[in-house]
């Protein structure tokens, strides 16, 4: 039986990427293999004694960790949103457990939100079942670490994935050569995965979103791109929702 290290389960509007504003159930799994400087859920990078479930009608339930697959599916059965997002922490650390419960989640469309480094944990069952992958492309000047090689290997293993969203957080500290390399990679990737989109996300502090000094150059590059690309802030920060 699969066991999960659960941080929390809650329902809210999707706050990032092309599905912003769509109702989702979020399953936040704890534990992460990175320590990005801009992480806004640092608490979830560590395993908790209990996971919290924010049920409809403002009821809160706690589940002792680790949580069984049976309990996970029973808990998710009360939620009615059409989409479910596995997020973290880093959910691909628990890819085997996620894979085991997929047969019991037929009523959900599934989004996997990942830092895109654990390419060796991608399973064929996940590629077949996950409807959309939101994969971070970590710019070193923003994250404080360079895992772009792992990001590229991860994305290459998703060649048969249904939809791939490449998400890159940028700030005024982002270097032009990083952006140029990102756009080159996205253009190359789009040639063999036509259901790909690049989402540029300005770093948000609190609910203060600024396009930043790179916006004029980014707008120029976006206008010339041969693949879908857009700039989107974190909607949930602006709306002040989970």
Protein backbone atom coordinates (compact mmCIF):
# COMPACT_ATOMS: atom_id res chain seq x y z
CA UNK A 1 0.00 0.00 0.00
CA UNK A 2 1.29 3.46 -0.93
CA UNK A 3 2.08 5.92 1.84
CA UNK A 4 2.16 9.70 1.48
CA UNK A 5 3.93 12.41 3.41
CA UNK A 6 1.14 14.97 3.24
CA UNK A 7 1.40 18.69 3.96
CA UNK A 8 -2.14 19.76 3.12
CA UNK A 9 -5.18 19.29 0.90
CA UNK A 10 -7.40 22.22 0.02
CA UNK A 11 -9.63 23.56 -2.75
CA UNK A 12 -8.99 26.93 -4.37
CA UNK A 13 -8.54 28.67 -7.68
CA UNK A 14 -5.39 27.82 -9.61
CA UNK A 15 -3.06 30.75 -9.15
CA UNK A 16 -0.30 30.07 -11.68
CA UNK A 17 -0.01 29.42 -15.38
CA UNK A 18 -2.61 29.07 -18.14
CA UNK A 19 -5.18 27.45 -15.81
CA UNK A 20 -5.25 30.51 -13.52
CA UNK A 21 -8.74 31.08 -12.18
CA UNK A 22 -9.89 27.46 -12.64
CA UNK A 23 -11.19 25.57 -9.54
CA UNK A 24 -8.69 22.96 -8.34
CA UNK A 25 -8.13 20.54 -5.51
CA UNK A 26 -4.54 20.88 -4.34
CA UNK A 27 -2.64 17.98 -2.82
CA UNK A 28 0.54 19.41 -1.34
CA UNK A 29 3.07 16.71 -0.57
CA UNK A 30 5.94 17.48 1.78
CA UNK A 31 9.66 17.14 1.14
CA UNK A 32 11.83 18.76 -1.51
CA UNK A 33 15.24 18.14 -3.06
CA UNK A 34 15.92 21.86 -3.64
CA UNK A 35 16.02 25.04 -1.58
CA UNK A 36 15.12 27.82 -4.02
CA UNK A 37 15.56 31.34 -2.72
CA UNK A 38 12.08 32.45 -3.86
CA UNK A 39 10.19 29.45 -2.42
CA UNK A 40 6.90 30.56 -0.85
CA UNK A 41 6.09 27.16 0.74
CA UNK A 42 9.38 26.49 2.49
CA UNK A 43 7.55 24.92 5.41
CA UNK A 44 6.38 22.11 3.10
CA UNK A 45 9.95 21.11 2.24
CA UNK A 46 10.05 19.27 5.59
CA UNK A 47 7.90 16.30 6.61
CA UNK A 48 5.16 17.13 9.08
CA UNK A 49 3.74 14.94 11.85
CA UNK A 50 0.27 15.61 10.46
CA UNK A 51 -1.23 16.77 7.21
CA UNK A 52 -4.12 19.23 7.22
CA UNK A 53 -7.24 18.84 5.11
CA UNK A 54 -9.34 21.95 4.55
CA UNK A 55 -12.73 20.48 3.81
CA UNK A 56 -15.74 22.27 2.32
CA UNK A 57 -17.75 24.42 4.76
CA UNK A 58 -14.56 25.45 6.60
CA UNK A 59 -14.06 22.14 8.36
CA UNK A 60 -10.43 21.22 9.07
CA UNK A 61 -9.27 17.64 9.55
CA UNK A 62 -5.80 16.39 10.45
CA UNK A 63 -4.34 13.14 9.12
CA UNK A 64 -1.33 11.53 10.84
CA UNK A 65 1.60 11.02 8.48
CA UNK A 66 2.29 8.93 6.56
CA UNK A 67 -1.18 8.79 4.97
CA UNK A 68 -2.33 5.56 3.31
CA UNK A 69 -3.57 5.46 -0.28
CA UNK A 70 -6.98 4.33 1.00
CA UNK A 71 -7.26 7.34 3.30
CA UNK A 72 -6.01 9.65 0.56
CA UNK A 73 -8.68 8.51 -1.91
CA UNK A 74 -11.39 8.59 0.77
CA UNK A 75 -10.43 12.17 1.67
CA UNK A 76 -10.34 13.35 -1.95
CA UNK A 77 -13.79 11.88 -2.64
CA UNK A 78 -15.50 14.81 -0.86
CA UNK A 79 -14.04 17.45 -3.21
CA UNK A 80 -15.90 18.45 -6.38
CA UNK A 81 -13.44 20.55 -8.39
CA UNK A 82 -12.77 19.17 -11.90
CA UNK A 83 -8.97 19.46 -11.66
CA UNK A 84 -6.51 18.11 -9.10
CA UNK A 85 -2.98 19.46 -8.72
CA UNK A 86 -0.13 17.57 -7.09
CA UNK A 87 2.25 20.16 -5.72
CA UNK A 88 4.77 20.55 -2.95
CA UNK A 89 7.39 20.57 -1.76
CA UNK A 90 8.27 18.33 -4.67
CA UNK A 91 5.60 15.74 -5.52
CA UNK A 92 7.88 13.72 -7.80
CA UNK A 93 9.75 12.55 -4.69
CA UNK A 94 6.58 10.48 -4.07
CA UNK A 95 5.90 9.53 -7.68
CA UNK A 96 5.50 5.82 -6.87
CA UNK A 97 2.75 6.54 -4.35
CA UNK A 98 1.05 8.98 -6.72
CA UNK A 99 1.12 6.37 -9.47
CA UNK A 100 -0.54 3.80 -7.21
CA UNK A 101 -3.65 5.92 -6.54
CA UNK A 102 -4.18 7.10 -10.13
CA UNK A 103 -6.71 4.34 -10.95
CA UNK A 104 -8.98 5.70 -8.20
CA UNK A 105 -8.88 9.28 -9.50
CA UNK A 106 -10.71 8.92 -12.81
CA UNK A 107 -13.07 11.83 -12.15
CA UNK A 108 -10.22 14.35 -11.89
CA UNK A 109 -8.09 15.90 -14.56
CA UNK A 110 -4.58 16.00 -13.15
CA UNK A 111 -1.89 18.68 -13.17
CA UNK A 112 1.58 17.77 -11.91
CA UNK A 113 3.45 20.82 -10.61
CA UNK A 114 7.16 20.02 -10.31
CA UNK A 115 10.59 21.58 -10.05
CA UNK A 116 11.55 19.44 -13.05
CA UNK A 117 14.75 17.89 -11.69
CA UNK A 118 13.84 14.29 -10.81
CA UNK A 119 13.71 12.94 -14.35
CA UNK A 120 14.59 9.43 -13.16
CA UNK A 121 11.28 9.29 -11.24
CA UNK A 122 9.06 9.85 -14.27
CA UNK A 123 6.97 6.71 -14.76
CA UNK A 124 5.14 5.68 -17.91
CA UNK A 125 1.90 5.45 -15.95
CA UNK A 126 2.25 9.12 -15.03
CA UNK A 127 2.92 10.17 -18.60
CA UNK A 128 -0.18 8.25 -19.72
CA UNK A 129 -2.47 9.66 -17.02
CA UNK A 130 -1.35 13.21 -16.15
CA UNK A 131 -3.24 15.76 -18.26
CA UNK A 132 -0.78 18.63 -17.83
CA UNK A 133 2.74 19.06 -16.47
CA UNK A 134 3.81 22.42 -15.03
CA UNK A 135 7.60 22.21 -15.03
CA UNK A 136 9.82 24.86 -13.50
CA UNK A 137 12.79 26.02 -15.52
CA UNK A 138 15.09 27.27 -12.79
CA UNK A 139 17.00 30.40 -13.71
CA UNK A 140 20.18 30.38 -11.55
CA UNK A 141 20.13 34.11 -10.80
CA UNK A 142 16.68 33.72 -9.23
CA UNK A 143 16.85 30.33 -7.54
CA UNK A 144 20.44 30.41 -6.33
CA UNK A 145 21.22 27.06 -7.97
CA UNK A 146 21.76 25.83 -11.52
CA UNK A 147 19.71 22.73 -12.36
CA UNK A 148 18.94 23.64 -15.96
CA UNK A 149 20.57 20.45 -17.23
CA UNK A 150 18.21 18.41 -15.03
CA UNK A 151 15.29 20.58 -16.19
CA UNK A 152 16.13 19.83 -19.82
CA UNK A 153 16.44 16.10 -19.20
CA UNK A 154 13.12 16.09 -17.35
CA UNK A 155 11.34 17.90 -20.17
CA UNK A 156 12.86 15.64 -22.79
CA UNK A 157 11.38 12.62 -20.98
CA UNK A 158 7.94 14.23 -21.33
CA UNK A 159 8.01 14.03 -25.11
CA UNK A 160 4.82 11.93 -25.00
CA UNK A 161 3.19 13.99 -22.24
CA UNK A 162 -0.23 15.42 -23.09
CA UNK A 163 0.47 19.06 -22.23
CA UNK A 164 3.68 20.68 -21.00
CA UNK A 165 3.82 24.11 -19.37
CA UNK A 166 7.34 25.43 -18.87
CA UNK A 167 7.30 28.00 -16.07
CA UNK A 168 10.21 30.36 -15.41
CA UNK A 169 10.27 32.82 -12.52
CA UNK A 170 12.31 35.92 -13.31
CA UNK A 171 13.33 39.10 -11.50
CA UNK A 172 15.46 42.17 -12.05
CA UNK A 173 18.50 40.04 -11.12
CA UNK A 174 17.87 37.72 -14.08
CA UNK A 175 20.64 37.94 -16.66
CA UNK A 176 19.92 38.50 -20.36
CA UNK A 177 21.91 35.41 -21.32
CA UNK A 178 19.65 33.28 -19.11
CA UNK A 179 16.56 34.57 -20.88
CA UNK A 180 18.16 34.06 -24.29
CA UNK A 181 19.05 30.46 -23.41
CA UNK A 182 15.53 29.83 -22.11
CA UNK A 183 13.92 31.09 -25.32
CA UNK A 184 16.30 28.99 -27.45
CA UNK A 185 15.47 25.87 -25.46
CA UNK A 186 11.71 26.53 -25.60
CA UNK A 187 11.88 27.04 -29.37
CA UNK A 188 13.78 23.76 -29.84
CA UNK A 189 11.43 21.90 -27.49
CA UNK A 190 8.34 23.16 -29.30
CA UNK A 191 9.53 21.49 -32.50
CA UNK A 192 8.88 18.02 -31.06
CA UNK A 193 6.17 18.85 -28.49
CA UNK A 194 3.51 21.07 -30.05
CA UNK A 195 1.33 21.21 -26.93
CA UNK A 196 3.92 23.26 -25.02
CA UNK A 197 3.66 26.74 -23.61
CA UNK A 198 6.20 28.97 -21.87
CA UNK A 199 4.91 31.00 -18.92
CA UNK A 200 7.14 33.77 -17.59
CA UNK A 201 6.30 34.63 -13.99
CA UNK A 202 7.55 37.88 -12.47
CA UNK A 203 8.75 37.34 -8.92
CA UNK A 204 6.03 38.36 -6.48
CA UNK A 205 6.70 39.65 -2.98
CA UNK A 206 3.50 39.70 -0.98
CA UNK A 207 0.89 40.81 -3.50
CA UNK A 208 3.24 43.32 -5.15
CA UNK A 209 3.79 42.33 -8.78
CA UNK A 210 6.14 44.29 -11.02
CA UNK A 211 6.97 43.44 -14.63
CA UNK A 212 10.51 44.61 -13.92
CA UNK A 213 13.26 46.14 -16.00
CA UNK A 214 13.36 43.18 -18.40
CA UNK A 215 9.82 43.73 -19.66
CA UNK A 216 10.68 45.71 -22.84
CA UNK A 217 13.19 43.08 -23.98
CA UNK A 218 10.87 40.24 -22.95
CA UNK A 219 7.98 41.76 -24.88
CA UNK A 220 10.21 41.95 -27.96
CA UNK A 221 11.32 38.33 -27.60
CA UNK A 222 7.76 37.16 -26.96
CA UNK A 223 6.53 38.96 -30.05
CA UNK A 224 9.12 37.18 -32.20
CA UNK A 225 8.75 33.72 -30.60
CA UNK A 226 7.63 30.77 -32.74
CA UNK A 227 5.94 29.08 -29.76
CA UNK A 228 3.17 30.07 -27.29
CA UNK A 229 4.50 32.32 -24.52
CA UNK A 230 2.95 34.69 -22.04
CA UNK A 231 3.68 36.61 -18.82
CA UNK A 232 1.41 35.75 -15.91
CA UNK A 233 1.69 36.82 -12.26
CA UNK A 234 0.61 34.66 -9.33
CA UNK A 235 -3.15 35.22 -9.28
CA UNK A 236 -3.68 33.78 -5.80
CA UNK A 237 -1.30 36.39 -4.37
CA UNK A 238 -3.31 39.19 -5.97
CA UNK A 239 -6.65 37.75 -4.80
CA UNK A 240 -5.22 36.87 -1.38
CA UNK A 241 -6.45 33.27 -1.45
CA UNK A 242 -4.63 29.98 -0.69
